[in-house]
Amino acid sequence: MNFLKKIIFTILTISILASTALTFTGCPPAEVVEETTSEEETTPEETTEEEGAQPTGQITFTTGRDGKWDIYVMNVDGSEQTRLTDDPEKDCYSDWSPDEKKITFKSYRDGNWEIYVMNADGSEQINLTNNPAYDVTPAWSPDGKKIVFVSDRDGNREIYVMNADGSEQINLTNNPAYDIYPDWSPDGKKIVFESWRDGNEEIYIMNADGSESTRLTDDPLIDALPNWSPDGKKITFTSDRDGDHEIYVMNVDGSEQINLTNNPAYDRWSDWSPDGKKIVFESDRDGKFEIYVMNSDGSEQINLTNNPADDRYPAW
């Protein structure tokens, strides 16, 4: 019996460590290829004025190709990869404003993780949070007036919201468990997020004011990193339920959870194109992390970056 207990304890310990590796929200060191230390993205292309036309946008991402972590931007075919930030400290995890004129990101340049905003060309980089706590993973509201983010300023990682200028920073979740990786619904009425409140990583949804939290996934393994489709009907997320990390998609009520990537590599960190026809993600299937794109049904998975360094955390 003692031998059996030791085996069970070892399995549980490995499971907990693997889970922690997925959700740690710092930038990995530039020399690290595996995800074990990470967790913890210009000018828009011209669009037509035709009513209902969708911008193709550009893709921001984080890369260690300059010996440190910086935010880059590229065209949707992977061309014209351009650096936007150039600070001695880490800059990573970016998100476009709805009008594609601003980019928010997290930076360690002030000696702790803070949320910054800059123009789409990288100019005017401004600290929004200015708090000694850990402030990370920003995401814009659809109207561009709010930014949701994660902070541990109350002693635990919670989801906060603030005005786009950094004012009125408010805790939305107030739960003793980790609540992380928020993303807005396209109508601005809901926020999807990852939570540990049931003892493992699951996807939840709540009203934009933090009320009425509902669990969408219920799997004993990892369900994490949710992202809402532009039409509001689907949510992508990362799960290791098939034995390796894959990109999944589900309906907004949690039904019809489908594996899109089906690759033995580490596939994660998804974001939708503005028209909802494509999904960008990161994968280490070529031996290091690169940015890939696929159709929204998982077909035609194409490598965009092809750089000797790790390229991570894409945002469309």
Protein backbone atom coordinates (compact mmCIF):
# COMPACT_ATOMS: atom_id res chain seq x y z
CA MET A 1 0.00 0.00 0.00
CA ASN A 2 2.82 2.44 0.81
CA PHE A 3 4.33 1.83 -2.62
CA LEU A 4 0.95 2.45 -4.31
CA LYS A 5 0.52 5.70 -2.37
CA LYS A 6 3.94 6.91 -3.55
CA ILE A 7 3.00 6.24 -7.20
CA ILE A 8 -0.30 8.13 -6.85
CA PHE A 9 1.45 11.07 -5.12
CA THR A 10 4.05 11.24 -7.93
CA ILE A 11 1.35 11.29 -10.66
CA LEU A 12 -0.54 14.08 -8.89
CA THR A 13 2.62 16.14 -8.45
CA ILE A 14 3.50 15.87 -12.16
CA SER A 15 -0.06 16.88 -13.10
CA ILE A 16 0.06 19.98 -10.90
CA LEU A 17 3.45 21.05 -12.26
CA ALA A 18 2.28 20.63 -15.87
CA SER A 19 -0.82 22.69 -15.14
CA THR A 20 1.24 25.45 -13.57
CA ALA A 21 3.54 25.54 -16.59
CA LEU A 22 0.62 26.34 -18.87
CA THR A 23 -0.74 29.25 -16.91
CA PHE A 24 2.26 31.10 -15.48
CA THR A 25 1.88 34.57 -16.94
CA GLY A 26 5.43 35.87 -17.32
CA CYS A 27 7.44 36.07 -20.54
CA PRO A 28 9.81 33.11 -20.88
CA PRO A 29 13.57 33.85 -21.00
CA ALA A 30 14.69 34.44 -24.59
CA GLU A 31 16.86 31.31 -24.62
CA VAL A 32 14.11 28.95 -23.44
CA VAL A 33 12.33 26.90 -26.11
CA GLU A 34 9.98 24.81 -23.99
CA GLU A 35 6.94 26.28 -22.21
CA THR A 36 8.14 25.22 -18.77
CA THR A 37 8.96 28.77 -17.64
CA SER A 38 6.44 30.82 -19.56
CA GLU A 39 3.05 32.32 -19.45
CA GLU A 40 2.08 33.86 -19.38
CA GLU A 41 1.99 40.55 -29.46
CA THR A 42 1.55 48.14 -37.66
CA THR A 43 -0.03 50.13 -39.07
CA PRO A 44 -3.28 48.45 -40.17
CA GLU A 45 -3.77 47.66 -43.81
CA GLU A 46 -6.15 49.89 -45.72
CA THR A 47 -9.74 48.69 -45.76
CA THR A 48 -12.67 49.48 -48.01
CA GLU A 49 -15.36 51.92 -46.99
CA GLU A 50 -18.04 49.54 -48.19
CA GLU A 51 -20.60 48.97 -45.47
CA GLY A 52 -20.01 45.70 -43.65
CA ALA A 53 -16.45 45.23 -44.95
CA GLN A 54 -14.08 43.61 -42.45
CA PRO A 55 -10.45 44.75 -42.06
CA THR A 56 -7.83 42.09 -42.70
CA GLY A 57 -5.71 43.67 -39.97
CA GLN A 58 -2.17 42.75 -39.03
CA ILE A 59 -0.80 40.28 -36.49
CA THR A 60 1.27 41.29 -33.49
CA PHE A 61 3.43 38.75 -31.68
CA THR A 62 6.21 38.43 -29.09
CA THR A 63 9.66 37.27 -30.13
CA GLY A 64 13.08 36.72 -28.57
CA ARG A 65 14.96 37.14 -31.85
CA ASP A 66 16.79 40.27 -30.64
CA GLY A 67 18.07 38.59 -27.49
CA LYS A 68 15.16 39.84 -25.39
CA TRP A 69 11.37 39.77 -25.62
CA ASP A 70 9.84 42.48 -27.82
CA ILE A 71 6.55 43.13 -29.61
CA TYR A 72 6.60 42.76 -33.40
CA VAL A 73 3.97 43.21 -36.08
CA MET A 74 3.60 41.46 -39.44
CA ASN A 75 1.22 41.21 -42.35
CA VAL A 76 -1.26 38.33 -42.29
CA ASP A 77 0.89 36.34 -44.75
CA GLY A 78 3.92 36.66 -42.46
CA SER A 79 5.67 39.36 -44.50
CA GLU A 80 7.19 42.63 -43.22
CA GLN A 81 7.94 41.54 -39.66
CA THR A 82 8.71 44.79 -37.84
CA ARG A 83 9.77 45.47 -34.25
CA LEU A 84 7.58 47.88 -32.27
CA THR A 85 9.20 47.85 -28.81
CA ASP A 86 12.90 48.06 -27.97
CA ASP A 87 13.40 48.20 -24.22
CA PRO A 88 16.12 46.37 -22.24
CA GLU A 89 13.37 44.66 -20.24
CA LYS A 90 10.68 42.21 -21.41
CA ASP A 91 7.71 43.41 -23.50
CA CYS A 92 5.15 40.77 -24.44
CA TYR A 93 1.51 39.70 -24.81
CA SER A 94 -0.17 42.37 -26.96
CA ASP A 95 -3.74 43.15 -27.99
CA TRP A 96 -5.11 45.46 -30.71
CA SER A 97 -7.62 48.19 -29.97
CA PRO A 98 -10.85 47.80 -31.99
CA ASP A 99 -9.94 50.69 -34.31
CA GLU A 100 -6.43 49.20 -34.80
CA LYS A 101 -4.81 52.51 -33.77
CA LYS A 102 -3.47 51.32 -30.39
CA ILE A 103 -1.81 48.21 -28.96
CA THR A 104 -1.81 47.29 -25.30
CA PHE A 105 0.87 45.00 -23.87
CA LYS A 106 2.61 44.04 -20.64
CA SER A 107 6.11 45.14 -19.74
CA TYR A 108 8.65 44.58 -16.98
CA ARG A 109 10.51 47.84 -17.66
CA ASP A 110 9.43 49.40 -14.33
CA GLY A 111 10.71 46.49 -12.26
CA ASN A 112 7.35 44.73 -12.15
CA TRP A 113 4.72 43.69 -14.66
CA GLU A 114 2.56 46.63 -15.80
CA ILE A 115 0.02 47.20 -18.59
CA TYR A 116 1.21 49.62 -21.27
CA VAL A 117 -0.39 51.11 -24.36
CA MET A 118 1.27 52.43 -27.51
CA ASN A 119 0.33 53.65 -30.95
CA ALA A 120 0.18 51.05 -33.71
CA ASP A 121 3.59 52.18 -34.98
CA GLY A 122 5.18 51.67 -31.55
CA SER A 123 5.29 55.33 -30.54
CA GLU A 124 4.08 56.87 -27.25
CA GLN A 125 4.44 53.88 -24.94
CA ILE A 126 2.55 54.72 -21.72
CA ASN A 127 2.17 52.85 -18.41
CA LEU A 128 -1.55 52.47 -17.64
CA THR A 129 -1.61 50.53 -14.37
CA ASN A 130 1.20 52.10 -12.28
CA ASN A 131 0.75 49.61 -9.46
CA PRO A 132 3.45 47.67 -7.54
CA ALA A 133 1.45 44.47 -8.04
CA TYR A 134 1.49 42.01 -10.94
CA ASP A 135 -0.63 43.44 -13.82
CA VAL A 136 -0.79 41.35 -17.02
CA THR A 137 -2.79 39.99 -20.00
CA PRO A 138 -4.74 43.05 -21.19
CA ALA A 139 -7.69 42.86 -23.63
CA TRP A 140 -9.73 45.72 -25.11
CA SER A 141 -13.49 46.04 -24.91
CA PRO A 142 -15.22 46.11 -28.32
CA ASP A 143 -15.98 49.83 -28.04
CA GLY A 144 -12.37 50.63 -27.12
CA LYS A 145 -13.36 52.38 -23.89
CA LYS A 146 -12.23 49.69 -21.42
CA ILE A 147 -9.34 47.28 -20.92
CA VAL A 148 -9.73 44.08 -18.92
CA PHE A 149 -6.61 42.60 -17.30
CA VAL A 150 -5.31 40.37 -14.50
CA SER A 151 -3.75 41.60 -11.25
CA ASP A 152 -2.69 40.08 -7.94
CA ARG A 153 -2.91 43.39 -6.06
CA ASP A 154 -5.52 41.93 -3.69
CA GLY A 155 -3.31 38.95 -2.87
CA ASN A 156 -4.67 36.67 -5.57
CA ARG A 157 -4.84 36.79 -9.36
CA GLU A 158 -8.16 38.39 -10.24
CA ILE A 159 -9.75 39.92 -13.31
CA TYR A 160 -9.89 43.72 -13.29
CA VAL A 161 -11.25 46.32 -15.65
CA MET A 162 -10.14 49.90 -16.21
CA ASN A 163 -10.84 52.77 -18.55
CA ALA A 164 -8.63 52.91 -21.65
CA ASP A 165 -6.62 55.72 -20.05
CA GLY A 166 -5.89 53.57 -16.97
CA SER A 167 -8.39 55.21 -14.62
CA GLU A 168 -10.97 53.43 -12.42
CA GLN A 169 -9.27 50.04 -11.96
CA ILE A 170 -11.95 47.70 -10.54
CA ASN A 171 -11.83 44.05 -9.41
CA LEU A 172 -14.52 42.03 -11.22
CA THR A 173 -14.08 38.50 -9.88
CA ASN A 174 -13.25 38.65 -6.13
CA ASN A 175 -12.72 34.89 -5.88
CA PRO A 176 -10.08 33.07 -3.77
CA ALA A 177 -9.00 31.01 -6.81
CA TYR A 178 -6.97 32.21 -9.79
CA ASP A 179 -9.12 33.99 -12.41
CA ILE A 180 -7.02 34.77 -15.50
CA TYR A 181 -6.91 35.29 -19.29
CA PRO A 182 -10.07 37.36 -19.88
CA ASP A 183 -11.52 38.18 -23.30
CA TRP A 184 -14.61 40.26 -24.20
CA SER A 185 -17.61 39.12 -26.19
CA PRO A 186 -18.05 41.14 -29.42
CA ASP A 187 -21.14 42.89 -28.02
CA GLY A 188 -19.25 43.87 -24.85
CA LYS A 189 -21.83 42.27 -22.54
CA LYS A 190 -19.82 39.21 -21.46
CA ILE A 191 -16.26 38.25 -20.54
CA VAL A 192 -14.86 34.75 -20.99
CA PHE A 193 -11.97 33.73 -18.76
CA GLU A 194 -9.98 30.88 -17.27
CA SER A 195 -10.46 29.96 -13.61
CA TRP A 196 -9.02 27.50 -11.09
CA ARG A 197 -12.01 27.79 -8.78
CA ASP A 198 -13.04 24.15 -9.28
CA GLY A 199 -9.58 22.79 -8.56
CA ASN A 200 -8.32 22.75 -12.14
CA GLU A 201 -8.27 25.06 -15.15
CA GLU A 202 -11.71 25.52 -16.73
CA ILE A 203 -13.32 28.10 -18.99
CA TYR A 204 -15.94 30.39 -17.46
CA ILE A 205 -18.15 33.18 -18.70
CA MET A 206 -19.54 36.16 -16.75
CA ASN A 207 -21.33 39.42 -17.32
CA ALA A 208 -19.07 42.39 -18.05
CA ASP A 209 -19.71 43.71 -14.53
CA GLY A 210 -18.45 40.43 -13.01
CA SER A 211 -21.86 39.01 -12.12
CA GLU A 212 -23.32 35.58 -12.98
CA SER A 213 -20.22 33.44 -13.56
CA THR A 214 -20.96 30.18 -15.40
CA ARG A 215 -18.60 27.30 -16.18
CA LEU A 216 -18.41 26.26 -19.84
CA THR A 217 -15.94 23.36 -19.70
CA ASP A 218 -15.79 20.45 -17.26
CA ASP A 219 -12.79 18.25 -17.99
CA PRO A 220 -10.28 16.86 -15.46
CA LEU A 221 -7.40 18.15 -17.58
CA ILE A 222 -6.45 21.66 -18.70
CA ASP A 223 -8.95 23.95 -20.44
CA ALA A 224 -7.36 27.39 -20.75
CA LEU A 225 -6.66 30.55 -22.78
CA PRO A 226 -10.14 31.32 -24.21
CA ASN A 227 -10.76 33.69 -27.12
CA TRP A 228 -14.11 34.86 -28.53
CA SER A 229 -14.95 34.70 -32.25
CA PRO A 230 -15.89 37.99 -33.98
CA ASP A 231 -19.49 36.85 -34.59
CA GLY A 232 -19.92 35.99 -30.89
CA LYS A 233 -20.95 32.39 -31.61
CA LYS A 234 -17.72 30.47 -30.85
CA ILE A 235 -14.88 30.40 -28.32
CA THR A 236 -11.46 28.87 -28.96
CA PHE A 237 -9.37 27.54 -26.09
CA THR A 238 -6.36 25.34 -25.33
CA SER A 239 -6.74 21.86 -23.83
CA ASP A 240 -4.48 18.86 -23.19
CA ARG A 241 -7.38 16.39 -22.88
CA ASP A 242 -6.09 14.41 -25.87
CA GLY A 243 -2.65 13.96 -24.34
CA ASP A 244 -1.00 17.06 -25.78
CA HIS A 245 -1.92 20.75 -26.00
CA GLU A 246 -4.33 21.49 -28.84
CA ILE A 247 -6.55 24.36 -30.01
CA TYR A 248 -10.24 23.58 -29.48
CA VAL A 249 -13.40 25.43 -30.43
CA MET A 250 -16.84 25.32 -28.78
CA ASN A 251 -20.17 27.09 -28.90
CA VAL A 252 -20.59 29.94 -26.41
CA ASP A 253 -22.77 27.71 -24.21
CA GLY A 254 -19.92 25.18 -23.96
CA SER A 255 -21.43 22.63 -26.34
CA GLU A 256 -19.69 20.90 -29.27
CA GLN A 257 -16.07 21.08 -28.10
CA ILE A 258 -13.94 20.17 -31.13
CA ASN A 259 -10.16 19.68 -31.55
CA LEU A 260 -8.96 21.90 -34.43
CA THR A 261 -5.20 21.30 -34.57
CA ASN A 262 -4.84 17.52 -34.02
CA ASN A 263 -1.05 17.66 -33.95
CA PRO A 264 1.30 15.90 -31.49
CA ALA A 265 3.12 19.21 -30.89
CA TYR A 266 2.31 21.93 -28.39
CA ASP A 267 -0.43 24.09 -30.03
CA ARG A 268 -1.92 26.98 -28.05
CA TRP A 269 -2.68 30.69 -27.75
CA SER A 270 -5.37 31.26 -30.39
CA ASP A 271 -6.87 34.45 -31.83
CA TRP A 272 -9.40 35.01 -34.60
CA SER A 273 -9.02 37.10 -37.75
CA PRO A 274 -11.41 40.10 -37.84
CA ASP A 275 -13.65 38.32 -40.37
CA GLY A 276 -13.69 35.08 -38.34
CA LYS A 277 -12.40 32.99 -41.24
CA LYS A 278 -8.91 32.32 -39.85
CA ILE A 279 -7.32 31.51 -36.48
CA VAL A 280 -3.74 32.37 -35.58
CA PHE A 281 -1.90 30.35 -32.92
CA GLU A 282 1.55 29.31 -31.69
CA SER A 283 3.10 25.87 -32.10
CA ASP A 284 6.44 24.17 -31.48
CA ARG A 285 5.85 21.50 -34.14
CA ASP A 286 8.98 22.60 -36.02
CA GLY A 287 11.19 22.28 -32.95
CA LYS A 288 10.63 25.77 -31.52
CA PHE A 289 7.67 28.10 -31.12
CA GLU A 290 6.43 29.74 -34.32
CA ILE A 291 3.28 31.61 -35.31
CA TYR A 292 0.85 29.59 -37.44
CA VAL A 293 -2.46 30.36 -39.10
CA MET A 294 -5.29 28.00 -40.08
CA ASN A 295 -8.83 28.18 -41.38
CA SER A 296 -11.48 28.37 -38.67
CA ASP A 297 -12.30 24.68 -39.23
CA GLY A 298 -8.66 23.71 -38.55
CA SER A 299 -7.64 23.12 -42.15
CA GLU A 300 -4.56 24.54 -43.93
CA GLN A 301 -2.23 25.09 -40.96
CA ILE A 302 0.60 27.32 -42.22
CA ASN A 303 3.80 28.57 -40.54
CA LEU A 304 4.06 32.38 -40.79
CA THR A 305 7.29 33.26 -38.98
CA ASN A 306 10.04 30.66 -39.67
CA ASN A 307 12.67 32.34 -37.45
CA PRO A 308 15.45 30.65 -35.42
CA ALA A 309 14.13 32.34 -32.25
CA ASP A 310 10.87 31.62 -30.45
CA ASP A 311 7.88 33.58 -31.79
CA ARG A 312 4.96 33.62 -29.34
CA TYR A 313 1.59 35.06 -28.28
CA PRO A 314 -0.01 36.16 -31.58
CA ALA A 315 -2.86 38.70 -31.65
CA TRP A 316 -4.93 39.54 -34.72
